[in-house]
Amino acid sequence: MNGIDTGTVVYDVQKKEIIVNFLEDEGIKKDIKAHLSKEHVFLIPESNVIDDFRKEKGFPKDNLTFFQLALCELYINTGVWVEW
C-alpha cells in the first residue's frame, strides 16, 4: 500500500471511549493508544491572541476537546500523521 499504513481513531462521546483501528501495524496502534491514554497538560485558547490560554490537565478520553487536542500532538509524540 505504498508504504503508508492507514486506519482510524474514533472518539465515542457518550461512552468517553477511544477506538483505534490499524489493521496493518500493531506497533502504530500501540503508540497511538499509549499517547491517547496518558494524562496531558492542554493549552486551551481563551481568545484569538496567541498567548491568551489556560492550562488544563486531563486525559484525551475526558471530552471531545481534549481528544482533538491530543490528536494535534500525535505526530510530535509518535511520528504518526493524522488527517482530518
PDB file of N, CA and C in Angstrom:
ATOM      1  N   MET A   1       0.819  -1.192   0.000  1.00  0.00           N
ATOM      2  CA  MET A   1       0.000   0.000   0.000  1.00  0.00           C
ATOM      3  C   MET A   1       0.863   1.257   0.000  1.00  0.00           C
ATOM      4  N   ASN A   2       1.858   1.322  -0.842  1.00  0.00           N
ATOM      5  CA  ASN A   2       2.771   2.457  -0.995  1.00  0.00           C
ATOM      6  C   ASN A   2       3.522   2.818   0.279  1.00  0.00           C
ATOM      7  N   GLY A   3       3.689   1.888   1.197  1.00  0.00           N
ATOM      8  CA  GLY A   3       4.411   2.159   2.432  1.00  0.00           C
ATOM      9  C   GLY A   3       3.631   3.015   3.423  1.00  0.00           C
ATOM     10  N   ILE A   4       2.375   3.271   3.142  1.00  0.00           N
ATOM     11  CA  ILE A   4       1.559   4.090   4.035  1.00  0.00           C
ATOM     12  C   ILE A   4       0.517   3.196   4.698  1.00  0.00           C
ATOM     13  N   ASP A   5       0.532   3.182   6.013  1.00  0.00           N
ATOM     14  CA  ASP A   5      -0.480   2.450   6.764  1.00  0.00           C
ATOM     15  C   ASP A   5      -1.617   3.408   7.083  1.00  0.00           C
ATOM     16  N   THR A   6      -2.822   2.941   6.932  1.00  0.00           N
ATOM     17  CA  THR A   6      -3.963   3.796   7.251  1.00  0.00           C
ATOM     18  C   THR A   6      -4.846   3.116   8.276  1.00  0.00           C
ATOM     19  N   GLY A   7      -5.603   3.932   8.958  1.00  0.00           N
ATOM     20  CA  GLY A   7      -6.524   3.423   9.958  1.00  0.00           C
ATOM     21  C   GLY A   7      -7.397   4.548  10.458  1.00  0.00           C
ATOM     22  N   THR A   8      -8.102   4.285  11.524  1.00  0.00           N
ATOM     23  CA  THR A   8      -8.980   5.294  12.094  1.00  0.00           C
ATOM     24  C   THR A   8      -8.804   5.382  13.599  1.00  0.00           C
ATOM     25  N   VAL A   9      -9.088   6.562  14.110  1.00  0.00           N
ATOM     26  CA  VAL A   9      -9.142   6.800  15.547  1.00  0.00           C
ATOM     27  C   VAL A   9     -10.469   7.512  15.775  1.00  0.00           C
ATOM     28  N   VAL A  10     -11.323   6.901  16.596  1.00  0.00           N
ATOM     29  CA  VAL A  10     -12.671   7.412  16.797  1.00  0.00           C
ATOM     30  C   VAL A  10     -12.902   7.658  18.284  1.00  0.00           C
ATOM     31  N   TYR A  11     -13.576   8.764  18.587  1.00  0.00           N
ATOM     32  CA  TYR A  11     -13.946   9.069  19.968  1.00  0.00           C
ATOM     33  C   TYR A  11     -15.460   8.924  20.115  1.00  0.00           C
ATOM     34  N   ASP A  12     -15.879   8.058  21.012  1.00  0.00           N
ATOM     35  CA  ASP A  12     -17.295   7.875  21.316  1.00  0.00           C
ATOM     36  C   ASP A  12     -17.632   8.811  22.473  1.00  0.00           C
ATOM     37  N   VAL A  13     -18.334   9.901  22.166  1.00  0.00           N
ATOM     38  CA  VAL A  13     -18.633  10.939  23.145  1.00  0.00           C
ATOM     39  C   VAL A  13     -19.452  10.407  24.312  1.00  0.00           C
ATOM     40  N   GLN A  14     -20.442   9.572  24.038  1.00  0.00           N
ATOM     41  CA  GLN A  14     -21.322   9.089  25.100  1.00  0.00           C
ATOM     42  C   GLN A  14     -20.621   8.115  26.043  1.00  0.00           C
ATOM     43  N   LYS A  15     -19.784   7.240  25.498  1.00  0.00           N
ATOM     44  CA  LYS A  15     -19.072   6.266  26.331  1.00  0.00           C
ATOM     45  C   LYS A  15     -17.738   6.792  26.852  1.00  0.00           C
ATOM     46  N   LYS A  16     -17.286   7.949  26.307  1.00  0.00           N
ATOM     47  CA  LYS A  16     -15.964   8.506  26.620  1.00  0.00           C
ATOM     48  C   LYS A  16     -14.898   7.437  26.385  1.00  0.00           C
ATOM     49  N   GLU A  17     -14.933   6.889  25.175  1.00  0.00           N
ATOM     50  CA  GLU A  17     -14.047   5.790  24.800  1.00  0.00           C
ATOM     51  C   GLU A  17     -13.355   6.118  23.473  1.00  0.00           C
ATOM     52  N   ILE A  18     -12.095   5.752  23.388  1.00  0.00           N
ATOM     53  CA  ILE A  18     -11.334   5.957  22.166  1.00  0.00           C
ATOM     54  C   ILE A  18     -11.086   4.599  21.517  1.00  0.00           C
ATOM     55  N   ILE A  19     -11.424   4.499  20.221  1.00  0.00           N
ATOM     56  CA  ILE A  19     -11.245   3.256  19.474  1.00  0.00           C
ATOM     57  C   ILE A  19     -10.186   3.494  18.398  1.00  0.00           C
ATOM     58  N   VAL A  20      -9.126   2.677  18.422  1.00  0.00           N
ATOM     59  CA  VAL A  20      -8.033   2.790  17.454  1.00  0.00           C
ATOM     60  C   VAL A  20      -8.052   1.562  16.562  1.00  0.00           C
ATOM     61  N   ASN A  21      -8.154   1.780  15.259  1.00  0.00           N
ATOM     62  CA  ASN A  21      -8.171   0.691  14.288  1.00  0.00           C
ATOM     63  C   ASN A  21      -7.026   0.848  13.288  1.00  0.00           C
ATOM     64  N   PHE A  22      -6.002   0.059  13.442  1.00  0.00           N
ATOM     65  CA  PHE A  22      -4.899  -0.020  12.487  1.00  0.00           C
ATOM     66  C   PHE A  22      -4.613  -1.493  12.276  1.00  0.00           C
ATOM     67  N   LEU A  23      -5.134  -2.041  11.221  1.00  0.00           N
ATOM     68  CA  LEU A  23      -5.040  -3.476  10.987  1.00  0.00           C
ATOM     69  C   LEU A  23      -3.646  -3.920  10.567  1.00  0.00           C
ATOM     70  N   GLU A  24      -2.911  -3.050   9.878  1.00  0.00           N
ATOM     71  CA  GLU A  24      -1.653  -3.467   9.268  1.00  0.00           C
ATOM     72  C   GLU A  24      -0.434  -3.344  10.175  1.00  0.00           C
ATOM     73  N   ASP A  25      -0.511  -2.542  11.222  1.00  0.00           N
ATOM     74  CA  ASP A  25       0.671  -2.319  12.041  1.00  0.00           C
ATOM     75  C   ASP A  25       0.287  -2.197  13.520  1.00  0.00           C
ATOM     76  N   GLU A  26       0.515  -3.251  14.266  1.00  0.00           N
ATOM     77  CA  GLU A  26       0.197  -3.251  15.698  1.00  0.00           C
ATOM     78  C   GLU A  26       1.076  -2.267  16.464  1.00  0.00           C
ATOM     79  N   GLY A  27       2.293  -2.000  15.955  1.00  0.00           N
ATOM     80  CA  GLY A  27       3.180  -1.041  16.615  1.00  0.00           C
ATOM     81  C   GLY A  27       2.601   0.360  16.589  1.00  0.00           C
ATOM     82  N   ILE A  28       2.057   0.761  15.440  1.00  0.00           N
ATOM     83  CA  ILE A  28       1.426   2.074  15.320  1.00  0.00           C
ATOM     84  C   ILE A  28       0.230   2.156  16.257  1.00  0.00           C
ATOM     85  N   LYS A  29      -0.567   1.115  16.252  1.00  0.00           N
ATOM     86  CA  LYS A  29      -1.754   1.064  17.116  1.00  0.00           C
ATOM     87  C   LYS A  29      -1.353   1.218  18.585  1.00  0.00           C
ATOM     88  N   LYS A  30      -0.303   0.534  18.985  1.00  0.00           N
ATOM     89  CA  LYS A  30       0.180   0.590  20.364  1.00  0.00           C
ATOM     90  C   LYS A  30       0.655   2.000  20.722  1.00  0.00           C
ATOM     91  N   ASP A  31       1.397   2.652  19.800  1.00  0.00           N
ATOM     92  CA  ASP A  31       1.896   4.005  20.032  1.00  0.00           C
ATOM     93  C   ASP A  31       0.753   5.001  20.182  1.00  0.00           C
ATOM     94  N   ILE A  32      -0.248   4.886  19.311  1.00  0.00           N
ATOM     95  CA  ILE A  32      -1.392   5.791  19.364  1.00  0.00           C
ATOM     96  C   ILE A  32      -2.152   5.600  20.679  1.00  0.00           C
ATOM     97  N   LYS A  33      -2.413   4.346  21.041  1.00  0.00           N
ATOM     98  CA  LYS A  33      -3.135   4.067  22.282  1.00  0.00           C
ATOM     99  C   LYS A  33      -2.375   4.602  23.496  1.00  0.00           C
ATOM    100  N   ALA A  34      -1.065   4.438  23.501  1.00  0.00           N
ATOM    101  CA  ALA A  34      -0.260   4.923  24.620  1.00  0.00           C
ATOM    102  C   ALA A  34      -0.370   6.444  24.741  1.00  0.00           C
ATOM    103  N   HIS A  35      -0.276   7.138  23.615  1.00  0.00           N
ATOM    104  CA  HIS A  35      -0.369   8.600  23.633  1.00  0.00           C
ATOM    105  C   HIS A  35      -1.752   9.064  24.094  1.00  0.00           C
ATOM    106  N   LEU A  36      -2.791   8.393  23.631  1.00  0.00           N
ATOM    107  CA  LEU A  36      -4.150   8.820  23.938  1.00  0.00           C
ATOM    108  C   LEU A  36      -4.652   8.333  25.300  1.00  0.00           C
ATOM    109  N   SER A  37      -3.863   7.557  26.005  1.00  0.00           N
ATOM    110  CA  SER A  37      -4.306   7.083  27.317  1.00  0.00           C
ATOM    111  C   SER A  37      -3.550   7.730  28.474  1.00  0.00           C
ATOM    112  N   LYS A  38      -2.581   8.587  28.170  1.00  0.00           N
ATOM    113  CA  LYS A  38      -1.850   9.244  29.257  1.00  0.00           C
ATOM    114  C   LYS A  38      -2.407  10.645  29.513  1.00  0.00           C
ATOM    115  N   GLU A  39      -2.148  11.144  30.714  1.00  0.00           N
ATOM    116  CA  GLU A  39      -2.599  12.480  31.078  1.00  0.00           C
ATOM    117  C   GLU A  39      -1.754  13.526  30.351  1.00  0.00           C
ATOM    118  N   HIS A  40      -2.392  14.595  29.890  1.00  0.00           N
ATOM    119  CA  HIS A  40      -1.725  15.685  29.185  1.00  0.00           C
ATOM    120  C   HIS A  40      -2.008  17.002  29.907  1.00  0.00           C
ATOM    121  N   VAL A  41      -1.169  17.987  29.626  1.00  0.00           N
ATOM    122  CA  VAL A  41      -1.462  19.361  30.011  1.00  0.00           C
ATOM    123  C   VAL A  41      -1.825  20.058  28.708  1.00  0.00           C
ATOM    124  N   PHE A  42      -3.086  20.453  28.593  1.00  0.00           N
ATOM    125  CA  PHE A  42      -3.588  21.070  27.375  1.00  0.00           C
ATOM    126  C   PHE A  42      -3.594  22.586  27.518  1.00  0.00           C
ATOM    127  N   LEU A  43      -3.249  23.271  26.434  1.00  0.00           N
ATOM    128  CA  LEU A  43      -3.327  24.725  26.386  1.00  0.00           C
ATOM    129  C   LEU A  43      -4.632  25.083  25.684  1.00  0.00           C
ATOM    130  N   ILE A  44      -5.566  25.630  26.432  1.00  0.00           N
ATOM    131  CA  ILE A  44      -6.900  25.936  25.930  1.00  0.00           C
ATOM    132  C   ILE A  44      -6.972  27.425  25.591  1.00  0.00           C
ATOM    133  N   PRO A  45      -7.219  27.755  24.320  1.00  0.00           N
ATOM    134  CA  PRO A  45      -7.287  29.171  23.935  1.00  0.00           C
ATOM    135  C   PRO A  45      -8.439  29.898  24.641  1.00  0.00           C
ATOM    136  N   GLU A  46      -8.169  31.123  25.052  1.00  0.00           N
ATOM    137  CA  GLU A  46      -9.189  31.974  25.654  1.00  0.00           C
ATOM    138  C   GLU A  46      -9.673  33.031  24.664  1.00  0.00           C
ATOM    139  N   SER A  47      -8.854  33.314  23.639  1.00  0.00           N
ATOM    140  CA  SER A  47      -9.206  34.311  22.617  1.00  0.00           C
ATOM    141  C   SER A  47      -8.361  34.016  21.372  1.00  0.00           C
ATOM    142  N   ASN A  48      -8.359  34.932  20.423  1.00  0.00           N
ATOM    143  CA  ASN A  48      -7.538  34.778  19.217  1.00  0.00           C
ATOM    144  C   ASN A  48      -6.118  35.305  19.401  1.00  0.00           C
ATOM    145  N   VAL A  49      -5.806  35.809  20.570  1.00  0.00           N
ATOM    146  CA  VAL A  49      -4.463  36.292  20.876  1.00  0.00           C
ATOM    147  C   VAL A  49      -3.578  35.076  21.158  1.00  0.00           C
ATOM    148  N   ILE A  50      -2.405  35.043  20.534  1.00  0.00           N
ATOM    149  CA  ILE A  50      -1.569  33.829  20.553  1.00  0.00           C
ATOM    150  C   ILE A  50      -1.155  33.381  21.955  1.00  0.00           C
ATOM    151  N   ASP A  51      -0.977  34.305  22.872  1.00  0.00           N
ATOM    152  CA  ASP A  51      -0.529  33.901  24.208  1.00  0.00           C
ATOM    153  C   ASP A  51      -1.638  33.991  25.263  1.00  0.00           C
ATOM    154  N   ASP A  52      -2.872  33.959  24.818  1.00  0.00           N
ATOM    155  CA  ASP A  52      -4.010  34.006  25.744  1.00  0.00           C
ATOM    156  C   ASP A  52      -4.626  32.609  25.859  1.00  0.00           C
ATOM    157  N   PHE A  53      -4.127  31.861  26.824  1.00  0.00           N
ATOM    158  CA  PHE A  53      -4.613  30.496  27.012  1.00  0.00           C
ATOM    159  C   PHE A  53      -4.546  30.121  28.486  1.00  0.00           C
ATOM    160  N   ARG A  54      -5.258  29.065  28.820  1.00  0.00           N
ATOM    161  CA  ARG A  54      -5.178  28.499  30.169  1.00  0.00           C
ATOM    162  C   ARG A  54      -4.687  27.062  30.052  1.00  0.00           C
ATOM    163  N   LYS A  55      -4.087  26.570  31.101  1.00  0.00           N
ATOM    164  CA  LYS A  55      -3.610  25.185  31.119  1.00  0.00           C
ATOM    165  C   LYS A  55      -4.604  24.323  31.881  1.00  0.00           C
ATOM    166  N   GLU A  56      -4.921  23.171  31.286  1.00  0.00           N
ATOM    167  CA  GLU A  56      -5.796  22.209  31.949  1.00  0.00           C
ATOM    168  C   GLU A  56      -5.179  20.827  31.833  1.00  0.00           C
ATOM    169  N   LYS A  57      -5.176  20.098  32.943  1.00  0.00           N
ATOM    170  CA  LYS A  57      -4.718  18.712  32.949  1.00  0.00           C
ATOM    171  C   LYS A  57      -5.903  17.804  32.681  1.00  0.00           C
ATOM    172  N   GLY A  58      -5.656  16.751  31.909  1.00  0.00           N
ATOM    173  CA  GLY A  58      -6.729  15.800  31.678  1.00  0.00           C
ATOM    174  C   GLY A  58      -6.305  14.710  30.718  1.00  0.00           C
ATOM    175  N   PHE A  59      -7.195  13.783  30.517  1.00  0.00           N
ATOM    176  CA  PHE A  59      -6.972  12.660  29.609  1.00  0.00           C
ATOM    177  C   PHE A  59      -7.765  12.893  28.326  1.00  0.00           C
ATOM    178  N   PRO A  60      -7.242  12.466  27.177  1.00  0.00           N
ATOM    179  CA  PRO A  60      -7.965  12.632  25.918  1.00  0.00           C
ATOM    180  C   PRO A  60      -9.373  12.049  25.928  1.00  0.00           C
ATOM    181  N   LYS A  61      -9.608  11.020  26.713  1.00  0.00           N
ATOM    182  CA  LYS A  61     -10.943  10.412  26.752  1.00  0.00           C
ATOM    183  C   LYS A  61     -11.930  11.222  27.584  1.00  0.00           C
ATOM    184  N   ASP A  62     -11.461  12.236  28.315  1.00  0.00           N
ATOM    185  CA  ASP A  62     -12.344  13.026  29.183  1.00  0.00           C
ATOM    186  C   ASP A  62     -13.415  13.789  28.413  1.00  0.00           C
ATOM    187  N   ASN A  63     -13.048  14.331  27.249  1.00  0.00           N
ATOM    188  CA  ASN A  63     -14.019  15.076  26.445  1.00  0.00           C
ATOM    189  C   ASN A  63     -13.503  15.234  25.018  1.00  0.00           C
ATOM    190  N   LEU A  64     -14.365  15.668  24.132  1.00  0.00           N
ATOM    191  CA  LEU A  64     -14.021  15.788  22.716  1.00  0.00           C
ATOM    192  C   LEU A  64     -12.900  16.801  22.487  1.00  0.00           C
ATOM    193  N   THR A  65     -12.912  17.897  23.214  1.00  0.00           N
ATOM    194  CA  THR A  65     -11.863  18.912  23.059  1.00  0.00           C
ATOM    195  C   THR A  65     -10.495  18.340  23.406  1.00  0.00           C
ATOM    196  N   PHE A  66     -10.388  17.645  24.531  1.00  0.00           N
ATOM    197  CA  PHE A  66      -9.109  17.040  24.922  1.00  0.00           C
ATOM    198  C   PHE A  66      -8.669  15.993  23.899  1.00  0.00           C
ATOM    199  N   PHE A  67      -9.618  15.215  23.393  1.00  0.00           N
ATOM    200  CA  PHE A  67      -9.312  14.215  22.369  1.00  0.00           C
ATOM    201  C   PHE A  67      -8.725  14.897  21.133  1.00  0.00           C
ATOM    202  N   GLN A  68      -9.366  15.949  20.658  1.00  0.00           N
ATOM    203  CA  GLN A  68      -8.891  16.646  19.465  1.00  0.00           C
ATOM    204  C   GLN A  68      -7.530  17.286  19.693  1.00  0.00           C
ATOM    205  N   LEU A  69      -7.320  17.869  20.859  1.00  0.00           N
ATOM    206  CA  LEU A  69      -6.023  18.471  21.156  1.00  0.00           C
ATOM    207  C   LEU A  69      -4.919  17.414  21.221  1.00  0.00           C
ATOM    208  N   ALA A  70      -5.240  16.244  21.759  1.00  0.00           N
ATOM    209  CA  ALA A  70      -4.257  15.154  21.819  1.00  0.00           C
ATOM    210  C   ALA A  70      -3.911  14.660  20.414  1.00  0.00           C
ATOM    211  N   LEU A  71      -4.902  14.650  19.508  1.00  0.00           N
ATOM    212  CA  LEU A  71      -4.614  14.270  18.114  1.00  0.00           C
ATOM    213  C   LEU A  71      -3.662  15.267  17.461  1.00  0.00           C
ATOM    214  N   CYS A  72      -3.792  16.548  17.830  1.00  0.00           N
ATOM    215  CA  CYS A  72      -2.899  17.570  17.284  1.00  0.00           C
ATOM    216  C   CYS A  72      -1.451  17.319  17.696  1.00  0.00           C
ATOM    217  N   GLU A  73      -1.247  16.713  18.848  1.00  0.00           N
ATOM    218  CA  GLU A  73       0.100  16.430  19.360  1.00  0.00           C
ATOM    219  C   GLU A  73       0.602  15.037  18.967  1.00  0.00           C
ATOM    220  N   LEU A  74      -0.216  14.270  18.298  1.00  0.00           N
ATOM    221  CA  LEU A  74       0.118  12.874  17.996  1.00  0.00           C
ATOM    222  C   LEU A  74       1.400  12.744  17.190  1.00  0.00           C
ATOM    223  N   TYR A  75       1.544  13.536  16.135  1.00  0.00           N
ATOM    224  CA  TYR A  75       2.732  13.425  15.275  1.00  0.00           C
ATOM    225  C   TYR A  75       4.011  13.763  16.044  1.00  0.00           C
ATOM    226  N   ILE A  76       3.950  14.799  16.839  1.00  0.00           N
ATOM    227  CA  ILE A  76       5.128  15.226  17.608  1.00  0.00           C
ATOM    228  C   ILE A  76       5.586  14.122  18.561  1.00  0.00           C
ATOM    229  N   ASN A  77       4.626  13.429  19.156  1.00  0.00           N
ATOM    230  CA  ASN A  77       4.941  12.429  20.180  1.00  0.00           C
ATOM    231  C   ASN A  77       5.130  11.005  19.655  1.00  0.00           C
ATOM    232  N   THR A  78       4.576  10.708  18.482  1.00  0.00           N
ATOM    233  CA  THR A  78       4.649   9.325  17.991  1.00  0.00           C
ATOM    234  C   THR A  78       5.178   9.194  16.567  1.00  0.00           C
ATOM    235  N   GLY A  79       5.175  10.285  15.802  1.00  0.00           N
ATOM    236  CA  GLY A  79       5.556  10.205  14.392  1.00  0.00           C
ATOM    237  C   GLY A  79       4.422   9.727  13.504  1.00  0.00           C
ATOM    238  N   VAL A  80       3.226   9.580  14.068  1.00  0.00           N
ATOM    239  CA  VAL A  80       2.055   9.142  13.300  1.00  0.00           C
ATOM    240  C   VAL A  80       1.319  10.390  12.821  1.00  0.00           C
ATOM    241  N   TRP A  81       1.116  10.458  11.496  1.00  0.00           N
ATOM    242  CA  TRP A  81       0.448  11.594  10.873  1.00  0.00           C
ATOM    243  C   TRP A  81      -1.053  11.383  10.866  1.00  0.00           C
ATOM    244  N   VAL A  82      -1.797  12.422  11.218  1.00  0.00           N
ATOM    245  CA  VAL A  82      -3.249  12.356  11.258  1.00  0.00           C
ATOM    246  C   VAL A  82      -3.822  13.344  10.253  1.00  0.00           C
ATOM    247  N   GLU A  83      -4.771  12.881   9.461  1.00  0.00           N
ATOM    248  CA  GLU A  83      -5.527  13.760   8.579  1.00  0.00           C
ATOM    249  C   GLU A  83      -6.957  13.827   9.082  1.00  0.00           C
ATOM    250  N   TRP A  84      -7.537  15.020   9.099  1.00  0.00           N
ATOM    251  CA  TRP A  84      -8.916  15.124   9.488  1.00  0.00           C
ATOM    252  C   TRP A  84      -9.678  15.891   8.457  1.00  0.00           C
TER     253      TRP A  84
END
